Amino acid sequence: MLFEPELIQGILIKRYKRFLADISLADGKKITAHCPNSGRMTGCADPGSVVFVSPASNPKRKLQYTWELTKLAKNNWIGVNTMRTNRIVEEALRNQKILELDSGLSLQREVNYGKNSRIDFLLTESNATKIYLEVKNVSLVENGTALFPDAVTKRGQKHLKELIGVVESGNRGVMFYLVNRQDAAVFQPADHIDPNYARLLRQAKKSGVEIFVYQTEADNHSISLGKSLVFNI
């Protein structure tokens, strides 16, 4: 996925009210950008960090910039804009870059299922088996381990229960974790943050829910699906 138009570099002054970020651009201009990320962003939003923003295409938009990336090191780019997460996965699905899935799958987005839930992607195999695939963005890394969630998530717990039901009904359920940075070597649930989610994830795995974990590849020109990661669940 290309960043078009080209991203603009700056230095983060502060993030506040969850969805706002003050940034100093390279030319000295100070802006307030939209932060499309509702998470805690631990380690991703430290004042003084190098960040990249995209300019808005609509001149009437209140905030004319969107925070896209944080650069921690030469080859460690964090995708901040979680609105792109499902698009990255969809691009990978359509280009058959997810090794655990066969080619030729039909794809639907945001399909109702379970109890008042929507699955991110509903895939259908040639034999009519349905694959319910839920995507989660991962931005928290501690000592080389990617962790999810970064805060207690009742919604995430509900999704795991729904996927267990999918498998029990004879279809495939997949929890897809997109680690949106490059400094992790392994993934595991964040027991110390949300022990109930961690317990449910392990229960889901034992029930037959499949776990996919992939990292992104990114720079200030593009972001896309990279390699798969091992997980400890």
C-alpha atoms as a PDB file:
ATOM      1  CA  MET A   1       0.000   0.000   0.000  1.00  0.00           C
ATOM      2  CA  LEU A   2       1.605   3.213  -1.175  1.00  0.00           C
ATOM      3  CA  PHE A   3       1.362   6.481   0.698  1.00  0.00           C
ATOM      4  CA  GLU A   4      -0.011   8.925  -1.827  1.00  0.00           C
ATOM      5  CA  PRO A   5       0.615  11.800  -1.630  1.00  0.00           C
ATOM      6  CA  GLU A   6       4.049  11.566  -0.050  1.00  0.00           C
ATOM      7  CA  LEU A   7       4.233  11.669   3.748  1.00  0.00           C
ATOM      8  CA  ILE A   8       5.636  14.663   5.604  1.00  0.00           C
ATOM      9  CA  GLN A   9       8.171  14.274   8.415  1.00  0.00           C
ATOM     10  CA  GLY A  10       7.890  15.950  11.799  1.00  0.00           C
ATOM     11  CA  ILE A  11       8.618  15.677  15.503  1.00  0.00           C
ATOM     12  CA  LEU A  12       5.880  14.761  17.944  1.00  0.00           C
ATOM     13  CA  ILE A  13       5.253  17.426  20.563  1.00  0.00           C
ATOM     14  CA  LYS A  14       2.433  15.600  22.359  1.00  0.00           C
ATOM     15  CA  ARG A  15      -0.582  13.383  21.865  1.00  0.00           C
ATOM     16  CA  TYR A  16      -3.726  14.333  23.798  1.00  0.00           C
ATOM     17  CA  LYS A  17      -7.463  13.722  23.949  1.00  0.00           C
ATOM     18  CA  ARG A  18      -6.658  10.377  22.285  1.00  0.00           C
ATOM     19  CA  PHE A  19      -7.276  11.623  18.757  1.00  0.00           C
ATOM     20  CA  LEU A  20      -5.145  14.778  18.602  1.00  0.00           C
ATOM     21  CA  ALA A  21      -1.394  15.229  18.199  1.00  0.00           C
ATOM     22  CA  ASP A  22       0.677  18.399  18.076  1.00  0.00           C
ATOM     23  CA  ILE A  23       3.594  18.019  15.687  1.00  0.00           C
ATOM     24  CA  SER A  24       6.434  20.252  14.565  1.00  0.00           C
ATOM     25  CA  LEU A  25       7.173  19.791  10.860  1.00  0.00           C
ATOM     26  CA  ALA A  26      10.652  19.886   9.385  1.00  0.00           C
ATOM     27  CA  ASP A  27      10.064  23.415   8.055  1.00  0.00           C
ATOM     28  CA  GLY A  28       9.255  24.656  11.564  1.00  0.00           C
ATOM     29  CA  LYS A  29       5.493  24.773  11.071  1.00  0.00           C
ATOM     30  CA  LYS A  30       3.476  23.472  14.030  1.00  0.00           C
ATOM     31  CA  ILE A  31       0.318  21.519  13.256  1.00  0.00           C
ATOM     32  CA  THR A  32      -2.400  19.566  15.034  1.00  0.00           C
ATOM     33  CA  ALA A  33      -2.925  16.213  13.328  1.00  0.00           C
ATOM     34  CA  HIS A  34      -5.651  13.611  13.632  1.00  0.00           C
ATOM     35  CA  CYS A  35      -4.459  10.514  15.520  1.00  0.00           C
ATOM     36  CA  PRO A  36      -6.558   7.620  14.156  1.00  0.00           C
ATOM     37  CA  ASN A  37      -5.663   5.267  16.998  1.00  0.00           C
ATOM     38  CA  SER A  38      -7.774   4.790  20.108  1.00  0.00           C
ATOM     39  CA  GLY A  39      -5.249   2.602  21.935  1.00  0.00           C
ATOM     40  CA  ARG A  40      -2.798   3.595  24.622  1.00  0.00           C
ATOM     41  CA  MET A  41       0.053   3.644  22.083  1.00  0.00           C
ATOM     42  CA  THR A  42       2.614   2.778  24.740  1.00  0.00           C
ATOM     43  CA  GLY A  43       6.083   3.377  23.310  1.00  0.00           C
ATOM     44  CA  CYS A  44       4.620   4.736  20.066  1.00  0.00           C
ATOM     45  CA  ALA A  45       3.810   8.292  21.088  1.00  0.00           C
ATOM     46  CA  ASP A  46       6.710   9.592  23.156  1.00  0.00           C
ATOM     47  CA  PRO A  47       7.311  13.351  22.790  1.00  0.00           C
ATOM     48  CA  GLY A  48      10.312  13.954  20.555  1.00  0.00           C
ATOM     49  CA  SER A  49       9.630  10.915  18.360  1.00  0.00           C
ATOM     50  CA  VAL A  50      10.104  11.168  14.592  1.00  0.00           C
ATOM     51  CA  VAL A  51       6.678  10.906  12.980  1.00  0.00           C
ATOM     52  CA  PHE A  52       5.189  11.088   9.506  1.00  0.00           C
ATOM     53  CA  VAL A  53       1.838  12.575   8.544  1.00  0.00           C
ATOM     54  CA  SER A  54      -0.288  12.517   5.418  1.00  0.00           C
ATOM     55  CA  PRO A  55      -1.950  15.681   4.081  1.00  0.00           C
ATOM     56  CA  ALA A  56      -5.723  15.650   3.718  1.00  0.00           C
ATOM     57  CA  SER A  57      -7.173  15.580   0.221  1.00  0.00           C
ATOM     58  CA  ASN A  58     -10.199  17.588   1.368  1.00  0.00           C
ATOM     59  CA  PRO A  59      -9.266  21.254   1.955  1.00  0.00           C
ATOM     60  CA  LYS A  60     -12.410  21.689   4.095  1.00  0.00           C
ATOM     61  CA  ARG A  61     -11.421  19.031   6.611  1.00  0.00           C
ATOM     62  CA  LYS A  62     -10.911  20.485  10.076  1.00  0.00           C
ATOM     63  CA  LEU A  63      -7.583  18.713  10.663  1.00  0.00           C
ATOM     64  CA  GLN A  64      -5.477  18.870   7.523  1.00  0.00           C
ATOM     65  CA  TYR A  65      -3.040  16.130   8.531  1.00  0.00           C
ATOM     66  CA  THR A  66      -3.255  12.510   9.691  1.00  0.00           C
ATOM     67  CA  TRP A  67      -0.565  10.835  11.772  1.00  0.00           C
ATOM     68  CA  GLU A  68       0.515   7.738   9.833  1.00  0.00           C
ATOM     69  CA  LEU A  69       3.837   6.454  11.203  1.00  0.00           C
ATOM     70  CA  THR A  70       6.260   6.693  14.093  1.00  0.00           C
ATOM     71  CA  LYS A  71       9.892   5.909  13.299  1.00  0.00           C
ATOM     72  CA  LEU A  72      11.761   4.394  16.252  1.00  0.00           C
ATOM     73  CA  ALA A  73      14.922   3.311  14.418  1.00  0.00           C
ATOM     74  CA  LYS A  74      16.271   2.843  10.899  1.00  0.00           C
ATOM     75  CA  ASN A  75      14.222  -0.292  10.230  1.00  0.00           C
ATOM     76  CA  ASN A  76      11.506   0.010  12.842  1.00  0.00           C
ATOM     77  CA  TRP A  77       8.407   1.842  11.661  1.00  0.00           C
ATOM     78  CA  ILE A  78       5.180   1.753  13.669  1.00  0.00           C
ATOM     79  CA  GLY A  79       1.912   2.030  11.795  1.00  0.00           C
ATOM     80  CA  VAL A  80      -0.141   4.477  13.853  1.00  0.00           C
ATOM     81  CA  ASN A  81      -3.149   4.787  11.548  1.00  0.00           C
ATOM     82  CA  THR A  82      -5.291   1.810  12.527  1.00  0.00           C
ATOM     83  CA  MET A  83      -7.748   2.735   9.774  1.00  0.00           C
ATOM     84  CA  ARG A  84      -5.210   1.144   7.425  1.00  0.00           C
ATOM     85  CA  THR A  85      -4.918  -2.155   9.323  1.00  0.00           C
ATOM     86  CA  ASN A  86      -7.798  -3.972   7.613  1.00  0.00           C
ATOM     87  CA  ARG A  87      -6.784  -2.531   4.259  1.00  0.00           C
ATOM     88  CA  ILE A  88      -3.285  -3.984   4.669  1.00  0.00           C
ATOM     89  CA  VAL A  89      -4.758  -7.397   5.448  1.00  0.00           C
ATOM     90  CA  GLU A  90      -7.249  -7.169   2.587  1.00  0.00           C
ATOM     91  CA  GLU A  91      -4.470  -6.315   0.148  1.00  0.00           C
ATOM     92  CA  ALA A  92      -2.546  -9.371   1.382  1.00  0.00           C
ATOM     93  CA  LEU A  93      -5.629 -11.585   1.051  1.00  0.00           C
ATOM     94  CA  ARG A  94      -6.282 -10.468  -2.507  1.00  0.00           C
ATOM     95  CA  ASN A  95      -2.600 -10.934  -3.430  1.00  0.00           C
ATOM     96  CA  GLN A  96      -2.482 -14.383  -1.778  1.00  0.00           C
ATOM     97  CA  LYS A  97       0.299 -13.440   0.649  1.00  0.00           C
ATOM     98  CA  ILE A  98      -1.148 -15.224   3.687  1.00  0.00           C
ATOM     99  CA  LEU A  99       0.508 -18.636   3.676  1.00  0.00           C
ATOM    100  CA  GLU A 100      -2.108 -20.405   5.772  1.00  0.00           C
ATOM    101  CA  LEU A 101      -4.907 -19.741   3.274  1.00  0.00           C
ATOM    102  CA  ASP A 102      -5.544 -21.274  -0.129  1.00  0.00           C
ATOM    103  CA  SER A 103      -5.871 -19.213  -3.292  1.00  0.00           C
ATOM    104  CA  GLY A 104      -9.178 -18.537  -4.969  1.00  0.00           C
ATOM    105  CA  LEU A 105     -11.124 -17.558  -1.881  1.00  0.00           C
ATOM    106  CA  SER A 106     -14.102 -15.255  -2.277  1.00  0.00           C
ATOM    107  CA  LEU A 107     -14.032 -12.288   0.096  1.00  0.00           C
ATOM    108  CA  GLN A 108     -16.656 -10.198   1.855  1.00  0.00           C
ATOM    109  CA  ARG A 109     -16.053  -7.396   4.343  1.00  0.00           C
ATOM    110  CA  GLU A 110     -17.923  -6.451   7.527  1.00  0.00           C
ATOM    111  CA  VAL A 111     -20.430  -9.313   7.534  1.00  0.00           C
ATOM    112  CA  ASN A 112     -22.913  -9.696  10.389  1.00  0.00           C
ATOM    113  CA  TYR A 113     -22.558 -12.850  12.480  1.00  0.00           C
ATOM    114  CA  GLY A 114     -22.991 -14.142  16.019  1.00  0.00           C
ATOM    115  CA  LYS A 115     -24.762 -11.880  18.491  1.00  0.00           C
ATOM    116  CA  ASN A 116     -24.747  -8.347  17.085  1.00  0.00           C
ATOM    117  CA  SER A 117     -21.170  -8.700  15.786  1.00  0.00           C
ATOM    118  CA  ARG A 118     -19.483  -8.067  12.465  1.00  0.00           C
ATOM    119  CA  ILE A 119     -16.579 -10.106  11.202  1.00  0.00           C
ATOM    120  CA  ASP A 120     -13.823  -8.164   9.447  1.00  0.00           C
ATOM    121  CA  PHE A 121     -13.583 -10.654   6.568  1.00  0.00           C
ATOM    122  CA  LEU A 122     -15.739 -13.578   5.543  1.00  0.00           C
ATOM    123  CA  LEU A 123     -13.898 -15.862   3.142  1.00  0.00           C
ATOM    124  CA  THR A 124     -15.440 -18.789   1.302  1.00  0.00           C
ATOM    125  CA  GLU A 125     -13.437 -21.779   0.079  1.00  0.00           C
ATOM    126  CA  SER A 126     -14.231 -23.661  -3.135  1.00  0.00           C
ATOM    127  CA  ASN A 127     -15.893 -26.416  -1.071  1.00  0.00           C
ATOM    128  CA  ALA A 128     -18.223 -23.762   0.478  1.00  0.00           C
ATOM    129  CA  THR A 129     -16.481 -23.836   3.876  1.00  0.00           C
ATOM    130  CA  LYS A 130     -16.596 -20.379   5.385  1.00  0.00           C
ATOM    131  CA  ILE A 131     -13.640 -18.726   7.109  1.00  0.00           C
ATOM    132  CA  TYR A 132     -14.461 -15.997   9.630  1.00  0.00           C
ATOM    133  CA  LEU A 133     -11.364 -13.814   9.993  1.00  0.00           C
ATOM    134  CA  GLU A 134     -11.093 -11.149  12.697  1.00  0.00           C
ATOM    135  CA  VAL A 135      -8.205  -8.642  12.573  1.00  0.00           C
ATOM    136  CA  LYS A 136      -6.485  -7.008  15.541  1.00  0.00           C
ATOM    137  CA  ASN A 137      -3.836  -4.292  15.353  1.00  0.00           C
ATOM    138  CA  VAL A 138      -0.829  -4.832  17.644  1.00  0.00           C
ATOM    139  CA  SER A 139       1.465  -1.940  18.528  1.00  0.00           C
ATOM    140  CA  LEU A 140       2.753  -2.878  21.999  1.00  0.00           C
ATOM    141  CA  VAL A 141       6.187  -4.536  22.123  1.00  0.00           C
ATOM    142  CA  GLU A 142       8.145  -5.298  25.301  1.00  0.00           C
ATOM    143  CA  ASN A 143      11.619  -6.864  25.169  1.00  0.00           C
ATOM    144  CA  GLY A 144      11.077  -8.168  21.658  1.00  0.00           C
ATOM    145  CA  THR A 145       7.639  -9.641  22.397  1.00  0.00           C
ATOM    146  CA  ALA A 146       4.530  -8.271  20.713  1.00  0.00           C
ATOM    147  CA  LEU A 147       1.607  -8.136  23.140  1.00  0.00           C
ATOM    148  CA  PHE A 148      -2.149  -7.803  22.753  1.00  0.00           C
ATOM    149  CA  PRO A 149      -4.193  -6.111  24.062  1.00  0.00           C
ATOM    150  CA  ASP A 150      -2.643  -2.916  25.414  1.00  0.00           C
ATOM    151  CA  ALA A 151      -5.762  -2.259  27.539  1.00  0.00           C
ATOM    152  CA  VAL A 152      -8.672  -4.337  28.826  1.00  0.00           C
ATOM    153  CA  THR A 153     -10.960  -5.099  25.886  1.00  0.00           C
ATOM    154  CA  LYS A 154     -14.457  -6.448  26.467  1.00  0.00           C
ATOM    155  CA  ARG A 155     -15.086  -6.177  22.735  1.00  0.00           C
ATOM    156  CA  GLY A 156     -12.042  -8.320  22.013  1.00  0.00           C
ATOM    157  CA  GLN A 157     -13.214 -10.917  24.519  1.00  0.00           C
ATOM    158  CA  LYS A 158     -16.578 -11.024  22.764  1.00  0.00           C
ATOM    159  CA  HIS A 159     -14.903 -11.608  19.391  1.00  0.00           C
ATOM    160  CA  LEU A 160     -13.035 -14.623  20.767  1.00  0.00           C
ATOM    161  CA  LYS A 161     -16.272 -16.129  22.087  1.00  0.00           C
ATOM    162  CA  GLU A 162     -17.921 -15.536  18.706  1.00  0.00           C
ATOM    163  CA  LEU A 163     -15.061 -17.306  16.878  1.00  0.00           C
ATOM    164  CA  ILE A 164     -15.327 -20.295  19.202  1.00  0.00           C
ATOM    165  CA  GLY A 165     -18.987 -20.493  18.168  1.00  0.00           C
ATOM    166  CA  VAL A 166     -18.004 -20.315  14.498  1.00  0.00           C
ATOM    167  CA  VAL A 167     -15.722 -23.342  14.876  1.00  0.00           C
ATOM    168  CA  GLU A 168     -18.350 -25.254  16.817  1.00  0.00           C
ATOM    169  CA  SER A 169     -20.757 -24.680  13.912  1.00  0.00           C
ATOM    170  CA  GLY A 170     -18.354 -26.415  11.499  1.00  0.00           C
ATOM    171  CA  ASN A 171     -16.661 -23.432   9.872  1.00  0.00           C
ATOM    172  CA  ARG A 172     -13.164 -22.000  10.299  1.00  0.00           C
ATOM    173  CA  GLY A 173     -12.469 -19.158  12.701  1.00  0.00           C
ATOM    174  CA  VAL A 174      -9.271 -17.120  12.443  1.00  0.00           C
ATOM    175  CA  MET A 175      -7.854 -14.477  14.779  1.00  0.00           C
ATOM    176  CA  PHE A 176      -5.376 -12.426  12.769  1.00  0.00           C
ATOM    177  CA  TYR A 177      -2.908 -10.259  14.698  1.00  0.00           C
ATOM    178  CA  LEU A 178      -1.124  -7.620  12.626  1.00  0.00           C
ATOM    179  CA  VAL A 179       2.008  -6.531  14.495  1.00  0.00           C
ATOM    180  CA  ASN A 180       2.355  -3.024  13.107  1.00  0.00           C
ATOM    181  CA  ARG A 181       6.092  -2.647  13.779  1.00  0.00           C
ATOM    182  CA  GLN A 182       9.287  -4.575  13.089  1.00  0.00           C
ATOM    183  CA  ASP A 183      11.056  -5.038  16.442  1.00  0.00           C
ATOM    184  CA  ALA A 184       9.167  -8.126  17.666  1.00  0.00           C
ATOM    185  CA  ALA A 185      10.372 -11.722  17.383  1.00  0.00           C
ATOM    186  CA  VAL A 186       7.389 -13.433  19.008  1.00  0.00           C
ATOM    187  CA  PHE A 187       3.747 -12.724  19.908  1.00  0.00           C
ATOM    188  CA  GLN A 188       1.802 -13.581  23.046  1.00  0.00           C
ATOM    189  CA  PRO A 189      -1.308 -12.357  24.864  1.00  0.00           C
ATOM    190  CA  ALA A 190      -0.770  -9.631  27.459  1.00  0.00           C
ATOM    191  CA  ASP A 191      -1.710 -11.565  30.589  1.00  0.00           C
ATOM    192  CA  HIS A 192      -0.652  -8.701  32.855  1.00  0.00           C
ATOM    193  CA  ILE A 193      -2.987  -6.262  31.084  1.00  0.00           C
ATOM    194  CA  ASP A 194      -6.099  -8.327  30.360  1.00  0.00           C
ATOM    195  CA  PRO A 195      -5.906 -11.815  31.916  1.00  0.00           C
ATOM    196  CA  ASN A 196      -9.468 -12.612  30.829  1.00  0.00           C
ATOM    197  CA  TYR A 197      -8.609 -11.951  27.194  1.00  0.00           C
ATOM    198  CA  ALA A 198      -5.479 -14.091  27.491  1.00  0.00           C
ATOM    199  CA  ARG A 199      -7.477 -16.936  29.036  1.00  0.00           C
ATOM    200  CA  LEU A 200     -10.114 -16.737  26.288  1.00  0.00           C
ATOM    201  CA  LEU A 201      -7.471 -16.695  23.559  1.00  0.00           C
ATOM    202  CA  ARG A 202      -5.967 -19.907  24.902  1.00  0.00           C
ATOM    203  CA  GLN A 203      -9.441 -21.413  25.177  1.00  0.00           C
ATOM    204  CA  ALA A 204     -10.177 -20.355  21.584  1.00  0.00           C
ATOM    205  CA  LYS A 205      -6.976 -21.975  20.325  1.00  0.00           C
ATOM    206  CA  LYS A 206      -7.822 -25.239  22.106  1.00  0.00           C
ATOM    207  CA  SER A 207     -11.312 -25.057  20.583  1.00  0.00           C
ATOM    208  CA  GLY A 208      -9.867 -24.917  17.070  1.00  0.00           C
ATOM    209  CA  VAL A 209      -9.722 -21.185  16.374  1.00  0.00           C
ATOM    210  CA  GLU A 210      -6.674 -20.575  14.170  1.00  0.00           C
ATOM    211  CA  ILE A 211      -4.122 -17.928  15.117  1.00  0.00           C
ATOM    212  CA  PHE A 212      -2.277 -15.982  12.429  1.00  0.00           C
ATOM    213  CA  VAL A 213       0.409 -13.449  13.370  1.00  0.00           C
ATOM    214  CA  TYR A 214       2.163 -11.269  10.791  1.00  0.00           C
ATOM    215  CA  GLN A 215       4.350  -8.163  10.905  1.00  0.00           C
ATOM    216  CA  THR A 216       4.155  -5.174   8.640  1.00  0.00           C
ATOM    217  CA  GLU A 217       6.923  -3.954   6.363  1.00  0.00           C
ATOM    218  CA  ALA A 218       6.984  -0.167   6.245  1.00  0.00           C
ATOM    219  CA  ASP A 219       8.864   2.993   5.416  1.00  0.00           C
ATOM    220  CA  ASN A 220       7.775   6.524   4.575  1.00  0.00           C
ATOM    221  CA  HIS A 221       6.713   5.397   1.085  1.00  0.00           C
ATOM    222  CA  SER A 222       4.568   2.324   1.754  1.00  0.00           C
ATOM    223  CA  ILE A 223       3.251  -0.177   4.267  1.00  0.00           C
ATOM    224  CA  SER A 224       2.314  -3.798   3.601  1.00  0.00           C
ATOM    225  CA  LEU A 225       2.152  -7.292   5.054  1.00  0.00           C
ATOM    226  CA  GLY A 226       5.560  -8.767   5.862  1.00  0.00           C
ATOM    227  CA  LYS A 227       6.679 -12.031   7.431  1.00  0.00           C
ATOM    228  CA  SER A 228       4.769 -14.256   9.819  1.00  0.00           C
ATOM    229  CA  LEU A 229       5.735 -14.371  13.489  1.00  0.00           C
ATOM    230  CA  VAL A 230       5.889 -17.279  15.890  1.00  0.00           C
ATOM    231  CA  PHE A 231       3.507 -17.037  18.830  1.00  0.00           C
ATOM    232  CA  ASN A 232       3.463 -18.259  22.409  1.00  0.00           C
ATOM    233  CA  ILE A 233      -0.128 -18.893  23.464  1.00  0.00           C
END
